[in-house]
Amino acid sequence: MKNAPKGLTEYHLDFLDDLRESGECNMWGAAPYLIDQFDLDHETARSYLIFWMKTFGKRQEKNNVA
């Protein structure tokens, strides 16, 4: 993944995709979910979330082409 934060995996991105689909929270407030699920510090969780937000459209576009 180009320009991805250190330690970020597809599993983190899939978790955020699933969280979004669940409608459980506004995604701007998703960092605490990452912190709880993956035992991350706040800065790391925010960097993962920001990367997810910046790449969401491209990843969805890529996943819908088959």
PDB file of N, CA and C in Angstrom:
ATOM      1  N   MET A   1       0.842  -1.187   0.000  1.00  0.00           N
ATOM      2  CA  MET A   1       0.000   0.000   0.000  1.00  0.00           C
ATOM      3  C   MET A   1       0.882   1.242   0.000  1.00  0.00           C
ATOM      4  N   LYS A   2       0.732   2.013  -1.024  1.00  0.00           N
ATOM      5  CA  LYS A   2       1.552   3.194  -1.201  1.00  0.00           C
ATOM      6  C   LYS A   2       1.221   4.252  -0.139  1.00  0.00           C
ATOM      7  N   ASN A   3       2.249   4.774   0.506  1.00  0.00           N
ATOM      8  CA  ASN A   3       2.130   5.835   1.513  1.00  0.00           C
ATOM      9  C   ASN A   3       1.306   5.450   2.738  1.00  0.00           C
ATOM     10  N   ALA A   4       1.179   4.158   2.986  1.00  0.00           N
ATOM     11  CA  ALA A   4       0.419   3.691   4.150  1.00  0.00           C
ATOM     12  C   ALA A   4       1.241   3.892   5.421  1.00  0.00           C
ATOM     13  N   PRO A   5       0.574   4.198   6.531  1.00  0.00           N
ATOM     14  CA  PRO A   5       1.290   4.301   7.797  1.00  0.00           C
ATOM     15  C   PRO A   5       1.929   2.960   8.172  1.00  0.00           C
ATOM     16  N   LYS A   6       3.023   3.035   8.856  1.00  0.00           N
ATOM     17  CA  LYS A   6       3.737   1.834   9.294  1.00  0.00           C
ATOM     18  C   LYS A   6       2.806   0.948  10.128  1.00  0.00           C
ATOM     19  N   GLY A   7       2.780  -0.335   9.785  1.00  0.00           N
ATOM     20  CA  GLY A   7       2.002  -1.306  10.544  1.00  0.00           C
ATOM     21  C   GLY A   7       0.579  -1.513  10.045  1.00  0.00           C
ATOM     22  N   LEU A   8       0.112  -0.653   9.156  1.00  0.00           N
ATOM     23  CA  LEU A   8      -1.254  -0.775   8.638  1.00  0.00           C
ATOM     24  C   LEU A   8      -1.351  -1.985   7.727  1.00  0.00           C
ATOM     25  N   THR A   9      -2.423  -2.760   7.908  1.00  0.00           N
ATOM     26  CA  THR A   9      -2.653  -3.938   7.065  1.00  0.00           C
ATOM     27  C   THR A   9      -4.041  -3.867   6.438  1.00  0.00           C
ATOM     28  N   GLU A  10      -4.288  -4.756   5.493  1.00  0.00           N
ATOM     29  CA  GLU A  10      -5.617  -4.855   4.890  1.00  0.00           C
ATOM     30  C   GLU A  10      -6.661  -5.197   5.952  1.00  0.00           C
ATOM     31  N   TYR A  11      -6.253  -5.919   6.968  1.00  0.00           N
ATOM     32  CA  TYR A  11      -7.178  -6.275   8.043  1.00  0.00           C
ATOM     33  C   TYR A  11      -7.714  -5.022   8.728  1.00  0.00           C
ATOM     34  N   HIS A  12      -6.867  -4.035   8.967  1.00  0.00           N
ATOM     35  CA  HIS A  12      -7.314  -2.770   9.570  1.00  0.00           C
ATOM     36  C   HIS A  12      -8.315  -2.066   8.652  1.00  0.00           C
ATOM     37  N   LEU A  13      -7.996  -2.038   7.364  1.00  0.00           N
ATOM     38  CA  LEU A  13      -8.875  -1.380   6.405  1.00  0.00           C
ATOM     39  C   LEU A  13     -10.215  -2.109   6.293  1.00  0.00           C
ATOM     40  N   ASP A  14     -10.169  -3.438   6.292  1.00  0.00           N
ATOM     41  CA  ASP A  14     -11.409  -4.222   6.252  1.00  0.00           C
ATOM     42  C   ASP A  14     -12.250  -3.966   7.499  1.00  0.00           C
ATOM     43  N   PHE A  15     -11.588  -3.863   8.649  1.00  0.00           N
ATOM     44  CA  PHE A  15     -12.300  -3.562   9.892  1.00  0.00           C
ATOM     45  C   PHE A  15     -13.035  -2.232   9.777  1.00  0.00           C
ATOM     46  N   LEU A  16     -12.349  -1.221   9.242  1.00  0.00           N
ATOM     47  CA  LEU A  16     -12.974   0.090   9.083  1.00  0.00           C
ATOM     48  C   LEU A  16     -14.102   0.055   8.047  1.00  0.00           C
ATOM     49  N   ASP A  17     -13.922  -0.704   6.977  1.00  0.00           N
ATOM     50  CA  ASP A  17     -15.001  -0.869   5.995  1.00  0.00           C
ATOM     51  C   ASP A  17     -16.232  -1.485   6.661  1.00  0.00           C
ATOM     52  N   ASP A  18     -16.003  -2.528   7.445  1.00  0.00           N
ATOM     53  CA  ASP A  18     -17.115  -3.202   8.135  1.00  0.00           C
ATOM     54  C   ASP A  18     -17.780  -2.273   9.144  1.00  0.00           C
ATOM     55  N   LEU A  19     -16.973  -1.497   9.854  1.00  0.00           N
ATOM     56  CA  LEU A  19     -17.518  -0.544  10.823  1.00  0.00           C
ATOM     57  C   LEU A  19     -18.395   0.477  10.115  1.00  0.00           C
ATOM     58  N   ARG A  20     -17.935   0.971   8.993  1.00  0.00           N
ATOM     59  CA  ARG A  20     -18.720   1.932   8.213  1.00  0.00           C
ATOM     60  C   ARG A  20     -20.046   1.317   7.787  1.00  0.00           C
ATOM     61  N   GLU A  21     -19.979   0.098   7.261  1.00  0.00           N
ATOM     62  CA  GLU A  21     -21.195  -0.583   6.805  1.00  0.00           C
ATOM     63  C   GLU A  21     -22.174  -0.841   7.944  1.00  0.00           C
ATOM     64  N   SER A  22     -21.665  -1.043   9.144  1.00  0.00           N
ATOM     65  CA  SER A  22     -22.538  -1.324  10.290  1.00  0.00           C
ATOM     66  C   SER A  22     -23.339  -0.096  10.704  1.00  0.00           C
ATOM     67  N   GLY A  23     -22.798   1.095  10.404  1.00  0.00           N
ATOM     68  CA  GLY A  23     -23.473   2.321  10.815  1.00  0.00           C
ATOM     69  C   GLY A  23     -23.395   2.587  12.306  1.00  0.00           C
ATOM     70  N   GLU A  24     -22.539   1.860  12.991  1.00  0.00           N
ATOM     71  CA  GLU A  24     -22.430   1.974  14.450  1.00  0.00           C
ATOM     72  C   GLU A  24     -21.910   3.333  14.907  1.00  0.00           C
ATOM     73  N   CYS A  25     -21.093   3.962  14.080  1.00  0.00           N
ATOM     74  CA  CYS A  25     -20.546   5.262  14.467  1.00  0.00           C
ATOM     75  C   CYS A  25     -20.296   6.116  13.244  1.00  0.00           C
ATOM     76  N   ASN A  26     -20.181   7.398  13.456  1.00  0.00           N
ATOM     77  CA  ASN A  26     -19.710   8.311  12.431  1.00  0.00           C
ATOM     78  C   ASN A  26     -18.219   8.018  12.279  1.00  0.00           C
ATOM     79  N   MET A  27     -17.751   7.876  11.071  1.00  0.00           N
ATOM     80  CA  MET A  27     -16.374   7.453  10.872  1.00  0.00           C
ATOM     81  C   MET A  27     -15.348   8.459  11.381  1.00  0.00           C
ATOM     82  N   TRP A  28     -15.720   9.712  11.544  1.00  0.00           N
ATOM     83  CA  TRP A  28     -14.795  10.671  12.155  1.00  0.00           C
ATOM     84  C   TRP A  28     -14.494  10.277  13.596  1.00  0.00           C
ATOM     85  N   GLY A  29     -15.361   9.476  14.196  1.00  0.00           N
ATOM     86  CA  GLY A  29     -15.160   9.023  15.573  1.00  0.00           C
ATOM     87  C   GLY A  29     -14.726   7.570  15.677  1.00  0.00           C
ATOM     88  N   ALA A  30     -14.125   7.042  14.622  1.00  0.00           N
ATOM     89  CA  ALA A  30     -13.774   5.627  14.591  1.00  0.00           C
ATOM     90  C   ALA A  30     -12.441   5.283  15.252  1.00  0.00           C
ATOM     91  N   ALA A  31     -11.617   6.268  15.557  1.00  0.00           N
ATOM     92  CA  ALA A  31     -10.305   5.971  16.149  1.00  0.00           C
ATOM     93  C   ALA A  31     -10.416   5.141  17.433  1.00  0.00           C
ATOM     94  N   PRO A  32     -11.349   5.453  18.347  1.00  0.00           N
ATOM     95  CA  PRO A  32     -11.446   4.623  19.550  1.00  0.00           C
ATOM     96  C   PRO A  32     -11.766   3.152  19.260  1.00  0.00           C
ATOM     97  N   TYR A  33     -12.479   2.890  18.186  1.00  0.00           N
ATOM     98  CA  TYR A  33     -12.761   1.504  17.808  1.00  0.00           C
ATOM     99  C   TYR A  33     -11.478   0.798  17.397  1.00  0.00           C
ATOM    100  N   LEU A  34     -10.627   1.488  16.657  1.00  0.00           N
ATOM    101  CA  LEU A  34      -9.326   0.917  16.291  1.00  0.00           C
ATOM    102  C   LEU A  34      -8.463   0.693  17.529  1.00  0.00           C
ATOM    103  N   ILE A  35      -8.483   1.652  18.424  1.00  0.00           N
ATOM    104  CA  ILE A  35      -7.704   1.543  19.656  1.00  0.00           C
ATOM    105  C   ILE A  35      -8.133   0.313  20.449  1.00  0.00           C
ATOM    106  N   ASP A  36      -9.439   0.142  20.606  1.00  0.00           N
ATOM    107  CA  ASP A  36      -9.959  -1.001  21.373  1.00  0.00           C
ATOM    108  C   ASP A  36      -9.711  -2.331  20.674  1.00  0.00           C
ATOM    109  N   GLN A  37      -9.950  -2.367  19.380  1.00  0.00           N
ATOM    110  CA  GLN A  37      -9.845  -3.624  18.633  1.00  0.00           C
ATOM    111  C   GLN A  37      -8.408  -4.095  18.461  1.00  0.00           C
ATOM    112  N   PHE A  38      -7.491  -3.153  18.248  1.00  0.00           N
ATOM    113  CA  PHE A  38      -6.121  -3.529  17.899  1.00  0.00           C
ATOM    114  C   PHE A  38      -5.083  -3.081  18.922  1.00  0.00           C
ATOM    115  N   ASP A  39      -5.520  -2.533  20.044  1.00  0.00           N
ATOM    116  CA  ASP A  39      -4.622  -2.073  21.097  1.00  0.00           C
ATOM    117  C   ASP A  39      -3.585  -1.080  20.545  1.00  0.00           C
ATOM    118  N   LEU A  40      -4.089  -0.090  19.804  1.00  0.00           N
ATOM    119  CA  LEU A  40      -3.223   0.934  19.218  1.00  0.00           C
ATOM    120  C   LEU A  40      -3.207   2.178  20.093  1.00  0.00           C
ATOM    121  N   ASP A  41      -2.178   2.993  19.940  1.00  0.00           N
ATOM    122  CA  ASP A  41      -2.191   4.295  20.590  1.00  0.00           C
ATOM    123  C   ASP A  41      -3.022   5.244  19.715  1.00  0.00           C
ATOM    124  N   HIS A  42      -3.408   6.376  20.294  1.00  0.00           N
ATOM    125  CA  HIS A  42      -4.310   7.296  19.609  1.00  0.00           C
ATOM    126  C   HIS A  42      -3.709   7.823  18.299  1.00  0.00           C
ATOM    127  N   GLU A  43      -2.452   8.171  18.305  1.00  0.00           N
ATOM    128  CA  GLU A  43      -1.804   8.718  17.111  1.00  0.00           C
ATOM    129  C   GLU A  43      -1.801   7.704  15.962  1.00  0.00           C
ATOM    130  N   THR A  44      -1.498   6.460  16.273  1.00  0.00           N
ATOM    131  CA  THR A  44      -1.483   5.415  15.254  1.00  0.00           C
ATOM    132  C   THR A  44      -2.893   5.175  14.712  1.00  0.00           C
ATOM    133  N   ALA A  45      -3.852   5.088  15.606  1.00  0.00           N
ATOM    134  CA  ALA A  45      -5.243   4.882  15.191  1.00  0.00           C
ATOM    135  C   ALA A  45      -5.706   6.000  14.267  1.00  0.00           C
ATOM    136  N   ARG A  46      -5.385   7.238  14.600  1.00  0.00           N
ATOM    137  CA  ARG A  46      -5.774   8.376  13.760  1.00  0.00           C
ATOM    138  C   ARG A  46      -5.084   8.306  12.396  1.00  0.00           C
ATOM    139  N   SER A  47      -3.818   7.908  12.368  1.00  0.00           N
ATOM    140  CA  SER A  47      -3.121   7.824  11.084  1.00  0.00           C
ATOM    141  C   SER A  47      -3.744   6.735  10.203  1.00  0.00           C
ATOM    142  N   TYR A  48      -4.149   5.612  10.799  1.00  0.00           N
ATOM    143  CA  TYR A  48      -4.810   4.553  10.045  1.00  0.00           C
ATOM    144  C   TYR A  48      -6.152   5.048   9.516  1.00  0.00           C
ATOM    145  N   LEU A  49      -6.903   5.733  10.366  1.00  0.00           N
ATOM    146  CA  LEU A  49      -8.216   6.245   9.976  1.00  0.00           C
ATOM    147  C   LEU A  49      -8.094   7.274   8.855  1.00  0.00           C
ATOM    148  N   ILE A  50      -7.159   8.174   8.965  1.00  0.00           N
ATOM    149  CA  ILE A  50      -6.966   9.190   7.928  1.00  0.00           C
ATOM    150  C   ILE A  50      -6.575   8.530   6.609  1.00  0.00           C
ATOM    151  N   PHE A  51      -5.685   7.543   6.657  1.00  0.00           N
ATOM    152  CA  PHE A  51      -5.323   6.825   5.433  1.00  0.00           C
ATOM    153  C   PHE A  51      -6.546   6.146   4.845  1.00  0.00           C
ATOM    154  N   TRP A  52      -7.347   5.489   5.679  1.00  0.00           N
ATOM    155  CA  TRP A  52      -8.562   4.823   5.221  1.00  0.00           C
ATOM    156  C   TRP A  52      -9.490   5.828   4.525  1.00  0.00           C
ATOM    157  N   MET A  53      -9.669   6.990   5.140  1.00  0.00           N
ATOM    158  CA  MET A  53     -10.544   8.006   4.556  1.00  0.00           C
ATOM    159  C   MET A  53     -10.009   8.504   3.210  1.00  0.00           C
ATOM    160  N   LYS A  54      -8.716   8.738   3.133  1.00  0.00           N
ATOM    161  CA  LYS A  54      -8.117   9.253   1.897  1.00  0.00           C
ATOM    162  C   LYS A  54      -8.176   8.241   0.755  1.00  0.00           C
ATOM    163  N   THR A  55      -8.154   6.971   1.076  1.00  0.00           N
ATOM    164  CA  THR A  55      -8.087   5.937   0.042  1.00  0.00           C
ATOM    165  C   THR A  55      -9.404   5.200  -0.157  1.00  0.00           C
ATOM    166  N   PHE A  56     -10.428   5.551   0.600  1.00  0.00           N
ATOM    167  CA  PHE A  56     -11.690   4.816   0.558  1.00  0.00           C
ATOM    168  C   PHE A  56     -12.256   4.724  -0.859  1.00  0.00           C
ATOM    169  N   GLY A  57     -12.380   5.839  -1.532  1.00  0.00           N
ATOM    170  CA  GLY A  57     -12.966   5.852  -2.868  1.00  0.00           C
ATOM    171  C   GLY A  57     -12.216   4.983  -3.852  1.00  0.00           C
ATOM    172  N   LYS A  58     -10.906   5.105  -3.857  1.00  0.00           N
ATOM    173  CA  LYS A  58     -10.096   4.305  -4.787  1.00  0.00           C
ATOM    174  C   LYS A  58     -10.188   2.817  -4.472  1.00  0.00           C
ATOM    175  N   ARG A  59     -10.171   2.479  -3.189  1.00  0.00           N
ATOM    176  CA  ARG A  59     -10.267   1.067  -2.814  1.00  0.00           C
ATOM    177  C   ARG A  59     -11.621   0.490  -3.189  1.00  0.00           C
ATOM    178  N   GLN A  60     -12.697   1.252  -3.002  1.00  0.00           N
ATOM    179  CA  GLN A  60     -14.029   0.782  -3.358  1.00  0.00           C
ATOM    180  C   GLN A  60     -14.158   0.626  -4.863  1.00  0.00           C
ATOM    181  N   GLU A  61     -13.590   1.571  -5.587  1.00  0.00           N
ATOM    182  CA  GLU A  61     -13.603   1.507  -7.051  1.00  0.00           C
ATOM    183  C   GLU A  61     -12.879   0.256  -7.527  1.00  0.00           C
ATOM    184  N   LYS A  62     -11.737   0.000  -6.933  1.00  0.00           N
ATOM    185  CA  LYS A  62     -10.924  -1.172  -7.297  1.00  0.00           C
ATOM    186  C   LYS A  62     -11.682  -2.466  -6.974  1.00  0.00           C
ATOM    187  N   ASN A  63     -12.351  -2.507  -5.826  1.00  0.00           N
ATOM    188  CA  ASN A  63     -13.074  -3.703  -5.405  1.00  0.00           C
ATOM    189  C   ASN A  63     -14.314  -3.958  -6.252  1.00  0.00           C
ATOM    190  N   ASN A  64     -14.870  -2.920  -6.850  1.00  0.00           N
ATOM    191  CA  ASN A  64     -16.082  -3.081  -7.654  1.00  0.00           C
ATOM    192  C   ASN A  64     -15.802  -3.436  -9.104  1.00  0.00           C
ATOM    193  N   VAL A  65     -14.537  -3.409  -9.492  1.00  0.00           N
ATOM    194  CA  VAL A  65     -14.173  -3.791 -10.858  1.00  0.00           C
ATOM    195  C   VAL A  65     -13.810  -5.269 -10.846  1.00  0.00           C
ATOM    196  N   ALA A  66     -14.608  -6.042 -11.531  1.00  0.00           N
ATOM    197  CA  ALA A  66     -14.309  -7.493 -11.576  1.00  0.00           C
ATOM    198  C   ALA A  66     -14.880  -8.117 -12.828  1.00  0.00           C
TER     199      ALA A  66
END
